[in-house]
PDB file of all heavy atoms in Angstrom:
ATOM      1  N   PHE A   1      75.435  58.291  39.127  1.00  0.00           N
ATOM      2  CA  PHE A   1      74.046  58.127  39.492  1.00  0.00           C
ATOM      3  C   PHE A   1      73.757  57.025  40.444  1.00  0.00           C
ATOM      4  O   PHE A   1      73.113  57.059  41.437  1.00  0.00           O
ATOM      5  CB  PHE A   1      73.133  58.005  38.337  1.00  0.00           C
ATOM      6  CG  PHE A   1      71.711  57.882  38.565  1.00  0.00           C
ATOM      7  CD1 PHE A   1      70.897  58.846  38.841  1.00  0.00           C
ATOM      8  CD2 PHE A   1      71.128  56.505  38.596  1.00  0.00           C
ATOM      9  CE1 PHE A   1      69.484  58.712  39.155  1.00  0.00           C
ATOM     10  CE2 PHE A   1      69.761  56.360  38.873  1.00  0.00           C
ATOM     11  CZ  PHE A   1      69.011  57.490  39.214  1.00  0.00           C
ATOM     12  N   GLY A   2      74.355  55.839  40.092  1.00  0.00           N
ATOM     13  CA  GLY A   2      74.238  54.656  40.997  1.00  0.00           C
ATOM     14  C   GLY A   2      74.822  54.887  42.334  1.00  0.00           C
ATOM     15  O   GLY A   2      74.220  54.390  43.463  1.00  0.00           O
ATOM     16  N   LEU A   3      75.913  55.569  42.454  1.00  0.00           N
ATOM     17  CA  LEU A   3      76.534  55.830  43.757  1.00  0.00           C
ATOM     18  C   LEU A   3      75.702  56.815  44.487  1.00  0.00           C
ATOM     19  O   LEU A   3      75.541  56.685  45.784  1.00  0.00           O
ATOM     20  CB  LEU A   3      77.922  56.432  43.569  1.00  0.00           C
ATOM     21  CG  LEU A   3      78.992  55.454  43.161  1.00  0.00           C
ATOM     22  CD1 LEU A   3      80.309  56.162  42.708  1.00  0.00           C
ATOM     23  CD2 LEU A   3      79.325  54.522  44.314  1.00  0.00           C
ATOM     24  N   ALA A   4      75.017  57.831  43.899  1.00  0.00           N
ATOM     25  CA  ALA A   4      74.138  58.644  44.585  1.00  0.00           C
ATOM     26  C   ALA A   4      72.923  57.901  45.175  1.00  0.00           C
ATOM     27  O   ALA A   4      72.591  58.215  46.276  1.00  0.00           O
ATOM     28  CB  ALA A   4      73.612  59.846  43.607  1.00  0.00           C
ATOM     29  N   VAL A   5      72.477  57.011  44.409  1.00  0.00           N
ATOM     30  CA  VAL A   5      71.318  56.203  44.858  1.00  0.00           C
ATOM     31  C   VAL A   5      71.795  55.405  46.136  1.00  0.00           C
ATOM     32  O   VAL A   5      71.123  55.299  47.124  1.00  0.00           O
ATOM     33  CB  VAL A   5      70.690  55.316  43.797  1.00  0.00           C
ATOM     34  CG1 VAL A   5      69.743  54.248  44.391  1.00  0.00           C
ATOM     35  CG2 VAL A   5      70.071  56.114  42.738  1.00  0.00           C
ATOM     36  N   LEU A   6      72.882  54.687  45.939  1.00  0.00           N
ATOM     37  CA  LEU A   6      73.454  53.893  47.027  1.00  0.00           C
ATOM     38  C   LEU A   6      73.727  54.715  48.326  1.00  0.00           C
ATOM     39  O   LEU A   6      73.346  54.280  49.343  1.00  0.00           O
ATOM     40  CB  LEU A   6      74.758  53.304  46.554  1.00  0.00           C
ATOM     41  CG  LEU A   6      75.572  52.451  47.704  1.00  0.00           C
ATOM     42  CD1 LEU A   6      74.795  51.191  47.974  1.00  0.00           C
ATOM     43  CD2 LEU A   6      76.960  52.089  47.178  1.00  0.00           C
ATOM     44  N   GLY A   7      74.170  55.978  48.207  1.00  0.00           N
ATOM     45  CA  GLY A   7      74.393  56.837  49.320  1.00  0.00           C
ATOM     46  C   GLY A   7      73.078  57.029  50.037  1.00  0.00           C
ATOM     47  O   GLY A   7      73.130  57.063  51.337  1.00  0.00           O
ATOM     48  N   GLU A   8      72.043  57.316  49.338  1.00  0.00           N
ATOM     49  CA  GLU A   8      70.682  57.527  50.018  1.00  0.00           C
ATOM     50  C   GLU A   8      70.237  56.281  50.734  1.00  0.00           C
ATOM     51  O   GLU A   8      69.722  56.300  51.792  1.00  0.00           O
ATOM     52  CB  GLU A   8      69.674  57.894  48.922  1.00  0.00           C
ATOM     53  CG  GLU A   8      69.894  59.275  48.322  1.00  0.00           C
ATOM     54  CD  GLU A   8      69.967  60.474  49.208  1.00  0.00           C
ATOM     55  OE1 GLU A   8      69.227  60.460  50.209  1.00  0.00           O
ATOM     56  OE2 GLU A   8      70.763  61.356  48.967  1.00  0.00           O
ATOM     57  N   ILE A   9      70.394  55.140  50.085  1.00  0.00           N
ATOM     58  CA  ILE A   9      70.001  53.900  50.684  1.00  0.00           C
ATOM     59  C   ILE A   9      70.717  53.577  51.916  1.00  0.00           C
ATOM     60  O   ILE A   9      70.223  53.299  52.991  1.00  0.00           O
ATOM     61  CB  ILE A   9      70.164  52.662  49.676  1.00  0.00           C
ATOM     62  CG1 ILE A   9      69.081  52.878  48.623  1.00  0.00           C
ATOM     63  CG2 ILE A   9      69.959  51.321  50.485  1.00  0.00           C
ATOM     64  CD1 ILE A   9      69.405  51.939  47.375  1.00  0.00           C
ATOM     65  N   LEU A  10      72.109  53.731  51.893  1.00  0.00           N
ATOM     66  CA  LEU A  10      72.899  53.580  53.106  1.00  0.00           C
ATOM     67  C   LEU A  10      72.536  54.498  54.240  1.00  0.00           C
ATOM     68  O   LEU A  10      72.546  54.065  55.359  1.00  0.00           O
ATOM     69  CB  LEU A  10      74.442  53.610  52.637  1.00  0.00           C
ATOM     70  CG  LEU A  10      74.926  52.538  51.787  1.00  0.00           C
ATOM     71  CD1 LEU A  10      76.323  52.772  51.404  1.00  0.00           C
ATOM     72  CD2 LEU A  10      74.810  51.158  52.384  1.00  0.00           C
ATOM     73  N   GLU A  11      72.347  55.723  53.865  1.00  0.00           N
ATOM     74  CA  GLU A  11      71.992  56.724  54.941  1.00  0.00           C
ATOM     75  C   GLU A  11      70.684  56.320  55.537  1.00  0.00           C
ATOM     76  O   GLU A  11      70.493  56.411  56.833  1.00  0.00           O
ATOM     77  CB  GLU A  11      71.959  58.071  54.454  1.00  0.00           C
ATOM     78  CG  GLU A  11      71.662  59.016  55.464  1.00  0.00           C
ATOM     79  CD  GLU A  11      71.085  60.392  54.998  1.00  0.00           C
ATOM     80  OE1 GLU A  11      70.710  60.606  53.799  1.00  0.00           O
ATOM     81  OE2 GLU A  11      70.818  61.253  55.880  1.00  0.00           O
ATOM     82  N   THR A  12      69.738  55.926  54.685  1.00  0.00           N
ATOM     83  CA  THR A  12      68.364  55.625  55.215  1.00  0.00           C
ATOM     84  C   THR A  12      68.379  54.403  56.103  1.00  0.00           C
ATOM     85  O   THR A  12      67.656  54.380  57.200  1.00  0.00           O
ATOM     86  CB  THR A  12      67.353  55.314  54.004  1.00  0.00           C
ATOM     87  OG1 THR A  12      67.348  56.519  53.230  1.00  0.00           O
ATOM     88  CG2 THR A  12      66.046  55.032  54.448  1.00  0.00           C
ATOM     89  N   VAL A  13      69.081  53.381  55.868  1.00  0.00           N
ATOM     90  CA  VAL A  13      69.037  52.149  56.644  1.00  0.00           C
ATOM     91  C   VAL A  13      69.909  52.192  57.818  1.00  0.00           C
ATOM     92  O   VAL A  13      69.908  51.387  58.812  1.00  0.00           O
ATOM     93  CB  VAL A  13      69.326  50.888  55.789  1.00  0.00           C
ATOM     94  CG1 VAL A  13      68.330  50.807  54.738  1.00  0.00           C
ATOM     95  CG2 VAL A  13      70.640  50.820  55.231  1.00  0.00           C
ATOM     96  N   ALA A  14      70.846  53.196  57.908  1.00  0.00           N
ATOM     97  CA  ALA A  14      71.890  53.218  58.979  1.00  0.00           C
ATOM     98  C   ALA A  14      71.276  53.261  60.404  1.00  0.00           C
ATOM     99  O   ALA A  14      71.763  52.519  61.259  1.00  0.00           O
ATOM    100  CB  ALA A  14      72.896  54.277  58.720  1.00  0.00           C
ATOM    101  N   ALA A  15      70.318  54.085  60.557  1.00  0.00           N
ATOM    102  CA  ALA A  15      69.747  54.268  61.918  1.00  0.00           C
ATOM    103  C   ALA A  15      69.062  53.078  62.313  1.00  0.00           C
ATOM    104  O   ALA A  15      69.216  52.620  63.517  1.00  0.00           O
ATOM    105  CB  ALA A  15      68.779  55.465  61.948  1.00  0.00           C
ATOM    106  N   GLY A  16      68.388  52.394  61.396  1.00  0.00           N
ATOM    107  CA  GLY A  16      67.690  51.073  61.740  1.00  0.00           C
ATOM    108  C   GLY A  16      68.696  50.021  62.039  1.00  0.00           C
ATOM    109  O   GLY A  16      68.475  49.221  62.989  1.00  0.00           O
ATOM    110  N   TYR A  17      69.755  49.970  61.308  1.00  0.00           N
ATOM    111  CA  TYR A  17      70.736  49.017  61.519  1.00  0.00           C
ATOM    112  C   TYR A  17      71.451  49.194  62.961  1.00  0.00           C
ATOM    113  O   TYR A  17      71.718  48.183  63.641  1.00  0.00           O
ATOM    114  CB  TYR A  17      71.845  49.102  60.360  1.00  0.00           C
ATOM    115  CG  TYR A  17      72.954  48.015  60.568  1.00  0.00           C
ATOM    116  CD1 TYR A  17      72.804  46.744  60.195  1.00  0.00           C
ATOM    117  CD2 TYR A  17      74.269  48.452  61.052  1.00  0.00           C
ATOM    118  CE1 TYR A  17      73.775  45.867  60.303  1.00  0.00           C
ATOM    119  CE2 TYR A  17      75.202  47.583  61.175  1.00  0.00           C
ATOM    120  CZ  TYR A  17      75.048  46.245  60.850  1.00  0.00           C
ATOM    121  OH  TYR A  17      76.061  45.343  60.945  1.00  0.00           O
ATOM    122  N   GLY A  18      71.726  50.541  63.255  1.00  0.00           N
ATOM    123  CA  GLY A  18      72.208  50.729  64.564  1.00  0.00           C
ATOM    124  C   GLY A  18      71.383  50.265  65.646  1.00  0.00           C
ATOM    125  O   GLY A  18      71.761  49.731  66.690  1.00  0.00           O
ATOM    126  N   ALA A  19      70.003  50.582  65.502  1.00  0.00           N
ATOM    127  CA  ALA A  19      68.981  50.085  66.481  1.00  0.00           C
ATOM    128  C   ALA A  19      69.109  48.637  66.659  1.00  0.00           C
ATOM    129  O   ALA A  19      69.081  48.107  67.748  1.00  0.00           O
ATOM    130  CB  ALA A  19      67.635  50.636  66.087  1.00  0.00           C
ATOM    131  N   ARG A  20      69.092  47.953  65.476  1.00  0.00           N
ATOM    132  CA  ARG A  20      69.121  46.408  65.516  1.00  0.00           C
ATOM    133  C   ARG A  20      70.419  45.911  66.204  1.00  0.00           C
ATOM    134  O   ARG A  20      70.401  44.928  66.966  1.00  0.00           O
ATOM    135  CB  ARG A  20      69.007  46.000  63.972  1.00  0.00           C
ATOM    136  CG  ARG A  20      68.965  44.568  63.910  1.00  0.00           C
ATOM    137  CD  ARG A  20      67.598  44.092  64.105  1.00  0.00           C
ATOM    138  NE  ARG A  20      67.514  42.635  63.734  1.00  0.00           N
ATOM    139  CZ  ARG A  20      66.637  41.811  64.316  1.00  0.00           C
ATOM    140  NH1 ARG A  20      65.784  42.150  65.157  1.00  0.00           N
ATOM    141  NH2 ARG A  20      66.661  40.637  63.938  1.00  0.00           N
ATOM    142  N   LYS A  21      71.566  46.461  65.928  1.00  0.00           N
ATOM    143  CA  LYS A  21      72.803  46.067  66.478  1.00  0.00           C
ATOM    144  C   LYS A  21      72.822  46.315  67.993  1.00  0.00           C
ATOM    145  O   LYS A  21      73.631  45.682  68.651  1.00  0.00           O
ATOM    146  CB  LYS A  21      73.976  46.773  65.761  1.00  0.00           C
ATOM    147  CG  LYS A  21      74.366  46.156  64.443  1.00  0.00           C
ATOM    148  CD  LYS A  21      74.812  44.733  64.669  1.00  0.00           C
ATOM    149  CE  LYS A  21      75.254  44.027  63.431  1.00  0.00           C
ATOM    150  NZ  LYS A  21      75.578  42.692  63.550  1.00  0.00           N
ATOM    151  N   PHE A  22      72.081  47.220  68.447  1.00  0.00           N
ATOM    152  CA  PHE A  22      72.085  47.543  69.901  1.00  0.00           C
ATOM    153  C   PHE A  22      70.812  46.863  70.600  1.00  0.00           C
ATOM    154  O   PHE A  22      70.384  47.325  71.600  1.00  0.00           O
ATOM    155  CB  PHE A  22      71.993  48.999  70.135  1.00  0.00           C
ATOM    156  CG  PHE A  22      73.437  49.790  70.106  1.00  0.00           C
ATOM    157  CD1 PHE A  22      74.186  49.633  68.936  1.00  0.00           C
ATOM    158  CD2 PHE A  22      73.849  50.420  71.216  1.00  0.00           C
ATOM    159  CE1 PHE A  22      75.390  50.245  68.858  1.00  0.00           C
ATOM    160  CE2 PHE A  22      75.047  51.089  71.137  1.00  0.00           C
ATOM    161  CZ  PHE A  22      75.883  51.011  69.916  1.00  0.00           C
ATOM    162  N   GLY A  23      70.442  45.777  69.946  1.00  0.00           N
ATOM    163  CA  GLY A  23      69.360  44.881  70.668  1.00  0.00           C
ATOM    164  C   GLY A  23      67.942  45.217  70.209  1.00  0.00           C
ATOM    165  O   GLY A  23      67.056  44.631  70.791  1.00  0.00           O
ATOM    166  N   GLY A  24      67.687  46.053  69.236  1.00  0.00           N
ATOM    167  CA  GLY A  24      66.385  46.370  68.887  1.00  0.00           C
ATOM    168  C   GLY A  24      65.732  45.283  67.931  1.00  0.00           C
ATOM    169  O   GLY A  24      66.466  44.430  67.329  1.00  0.00           O
ATOM    170  N   SER A  25      64.491  45.327  67.858  1.00  0.00           N
ATOM    171  CA  SER A  25      63.691  44.387  66.926  1.00  0.00           C
ATOM    172  C   SER A  25      63.612  45.047  65.546  1.00  0.00           C
ATOM    173  O   SER A  25      64.079  46.122  65.340  1.00  0.00           O
ATOM    174  CB  SER A  25      62.335  44.243  67.498  1.00  0.00           C
ATOM    175  OG  SER A  25      61.605  45.423  67.456  1.00  0.00           O
ATOM    176  N   LYS A  26      63.023  44.291  64.630  1.00  0.00           N
ATOM    177  CA  LYS A  26      62.870  44.822  63.336  1.00  0.00           C
ATOM    178  C   LYS A  26      61.978  45.964  63.341  1.00  0.00           C
ATOM    179  O   LYS A  26      62.125  46.905  62.524  1.00  0.00           O
ATOM    180  CB  LYS A  26      62.266  43.667  62.415  1.00  0.00           C
ATOM    181  CG  LYS A  26      63.273  42.638  62.044  1.00  0.00           C
ATOM    182  CD  LYS A  26      62.628  41.551  61.144  1.00  0.00           C
ATOM    183  CE  LYS A  26      63.684  40.430  60.898  1.00  0.00           C
ATOM    184  NZ  LYS A  26      63.168  39.360  60.054  1.00  0.00           N
ATOM    185  N   GLY A  27      60.987  45.951  64.216  1.00  0.00           N
ATOM    186  CA  GLY A  27      60.162  47.134  64.373  1.00  0.00           C
ATOM    187  C   GLY A  27      60.867  48.430  64.806  1.00  0.00           C
ATOM    188  O   GLY A  27      60.508  49.502  64.389  1.00  0.00           O
ATOM    189  N   SER A  28      61.879  48.206  65.529  1.00  0.00           N
ATOM    190  CA  SER A  28      62.633  49.406  66.020  1.00  0.00           C
ATOM    191  C   SER A  28      63.366  50.039  64.855  1.00  0.00           C
ATOM    192  O   SER A  28      63.720  51.224  64.887  1.00  0.00           O
ATOM    193  CB  SER A  28      63.587  49.027  67.183  1.00  0.00           C
ATOM    194  OG  SER A  28      64.640  48.240  66.788  1.00  0.00           O
ATOM    195  N   MET A  29      63.780  49.268  63.856  1.00  0.00           N
ATOM    196  CA  MET A  29      64.378  49.755  62.634  1.00  0.00           C
ATOM    197  C   MET A  29      63.486  50.784  61.957  1.00  0.00           C
ATOM    198  O   MET A  29      63.910  51.795  61.614  1.00  0.00           O
ATOM    199  CB  MET A  29      64.809  48.617  61.713  1.00  0.00           C
ATOM    200  CG  MET A  29      65.911  47.725  62.430  1.00  0.00           C
ATOM    201  SD  MET A  29      66.268  46.307  61.409  1.00  0.00           S
ATOM    202  CE  MET A  29      66.940  47.001  59.992  1.00  0.00           C
ATOM    203  N   LEU A  30      62.181  50.281  61.777  1.00  0.00           N
ATOM    204  CA  LEU A  30      61.189  51.180  61.071  1.00  0.00           C
ATOM    205  C   LEU A  30      60.880  52.349  61.980  1.00  0.00           C
ATOM    206  O   LEU A  30      60.839  53.501  61.533  1.00  0.00           O
ATOM    207  CB  LEU A  30      59.993  50.476  60.857  1.00  0.00           C
ATOM    208  CG  LEU A  30      58.938  51.274  60.110  1.00  0.00           C
ATOM    209  CD1 LEU A  30      59.378  51.806  58.795  1.00  0.00           C
ATOM    210  CD2 LEU A  30      57.636  50.293  59.879  1.00  0.00           C
ATOM    211  N   ALA A  31      60.908  52.199  63.309  1.00  0.00           N
ATOM    212  CA  ALA A  31      60.579  53.283  64.236  1.00  0.00           C
ATOM    213  C   ALA A  31      61.679  54.296  64.152  1.00  0.00           C
ATOM    214  O   ALA A  31      61.436  55.594  64.289  1.00  0.00           O
ATOM    215  CB  ALA A  31      60.343  52.796  65.661  1.00  0.00           C
ATOM    216  N   ALA A  32      62.949  53.845  64.168  1.00  0.00           N
ATOM    217  CA  ALA A  32      64.081  54.717  64.011  1.00  0.00           C
ATOM    218  C   ALA A  32      64.067  55.514  62.738  1.00  0.00           C
ATOM    219  O   ALA A  32      64.272  56.798  62.763  1.00  0.00           O
ATOM    220  CB  ALA A  32      65.498  53.938  64.053  1.00  0.00           C
ATOM    221  N   LEU A  33      63.617  54.916  61.640  1.00  0.00           N
ATOM    222  CA  LEU A  33      63.587  55.677  60.342  1.00  0.00           C
ATOM    223  C   LEU A  33      62.538  56.669  60.438  1.00  0.00           C
ATOM    224  O   LEU A  33      62.634  57.876  60.077  1.00  0.00           O
ATOM    225  CB  LEU A  33      63.271  54.617  59.264  1.00  0.00           C
ATOM    226  CG  LEU A  33      62.969  55.264  57.885  1.00  0.00           C
ATOM    227  CD1 LEU A  33      64.202  56.074  57.311  1.00  0.00           C
ATOM    228  CD2 LEU A  33      62.626  54.226  56.781  1.00  0.00           C
ATOM    229  N   LEU A  34      61.240  56.268  60.955  1.00  0.00           N
ATOM    230  CA  LEU A  34      60.152  57.302  61.013  1.00  0.00           C
ATOM    231  C   LEU A  34      60.529  58.442  62.041  1.00  0.00           C
ATOM    232  O   LEU A  34      60.208  59.576  61.847  1.00  0.00           O
ATOM    233  CB  LEU A  34      58.923  56.547  61.516  1.00  0.00           C
ATOM    234  CG  LEU A  34      58.333  55.580  60.518  1.00  0.00           C
ATOM    235  CD1 LEU A  34      57.134  54.886  61.026  1.00  0.00           C
ATOM    236  CD2 LEU A  34      57.959  56.306  59.208  1.00  0.00           C
ATOM    237  N   GLY A  35      61.285  57.992  63.036  1.00  0.00           N
ATOM    238  CA  GLY A  35      61.743  58.948  64.163  1.00  0.00           C
ATOM    239  C   GLY A  35      62.693  59.998  63.420  1.00  0.00           C
ATOM    240  O   GLY A  35      62.647  61.221  63.776  1.00  0.00           O
ATOM    241  N   CYS A  36      63.566  59.574  62.601  1.00  0.00           N
ATOM    242  CA  CYS A  36      64.514  60.364  61.845  1.00  0.00           C
ATOM    243  C   CYS A  36      63.696  61.469  61.049  1.00  0.00           C
ATOM    244  O   CYS A  36      63.976  62.713  61.179  1.00  0.00           O
ATOM    245  CB  CYS A  36      65.350  59.645  60.807  1.00  0.00           C
ATOM    246  SG  CYS A  36      66.790  58.785  61.521  1.00  0.00           S
ATOM    247  N   LEU A  37      62.706  60.945  60.398  1.00  0.00           N
ATOM    248  CA  LEU A  37      61.930  61.970  59.517  1.00  0.00           C
ATOM    249  C   LEU A  37      61.087  62.950  60.387  1.00  0.00           C
ATOM    250  O   LEU A  37      61.102  64.136  60.168  1.00  0.00           O
ATOM    251  CB  LEU A  37      60.895  61.120  58.623  1.00  0.00           C
ATOM    252  CG  LEU A  37      61.655  60.210  57.587  1.00  0.00           C
ATOM    253  CD1 LEU A  37      60.646  59.398  56.849  1.00  0.00           C
ATOM    254  CD2 LEU A  37      62.455  61.055  56.649  1.00  0.00           C
ATOM    255  N   GLY A  38      60.424  62.394  61.456  1.00  0.00           N
ATOM    256  CA  GLY A  38      59.652  63.217  62.272  1.00  0.00           C
ATOM    257  C   GLY A  38      60.541  64.208  63.093  1.00  0.00           C
ATOM    258  O   GLY A  38      60.225  65.386  63.201  1.00  0.00           O
ATOM    259  N   GLY A  39      61.651  63.691  63.573  1.00  0.00           N
ATOM    260  CA  GLY A  39      62.602  64.663  64.325  1.00  0.00           C
ATOM    261  C   GLY A  39      63.109  65.660  63.392  1.00  0.00           C
ATOM    262  O   GLY A  39      63.179  66.875  63.899  1.00  0.00           O
ATOM    263  N   ALA A  40      63.443  65.388  62.120  1.00  0.00           N
ATOM    264  CA  ALA A  40      63.983  66.341  61.280  1.00  0.00           C
ATOM    265  C   ALA A  40      62.960  67.442  61.025  1.00  0.00           C
ATOM    266  O   ALA A  40      63.315  68.708  61.062  1.00  0.00           O
ATOM    267  CB  ALA A  40      64.460  65.689  60.046  1.00  0.00           C
TER     268      ALA A  40
END
């Protein structure tokens, strides 16, 4: 159960982390997450 929760958390933050690592702001992390949901 703990691993399943961890998997969801890691997947959720990964897009934001990628945006941040490529020069994005903290806001771009949230925008990436919202974009993931909207795009899906």
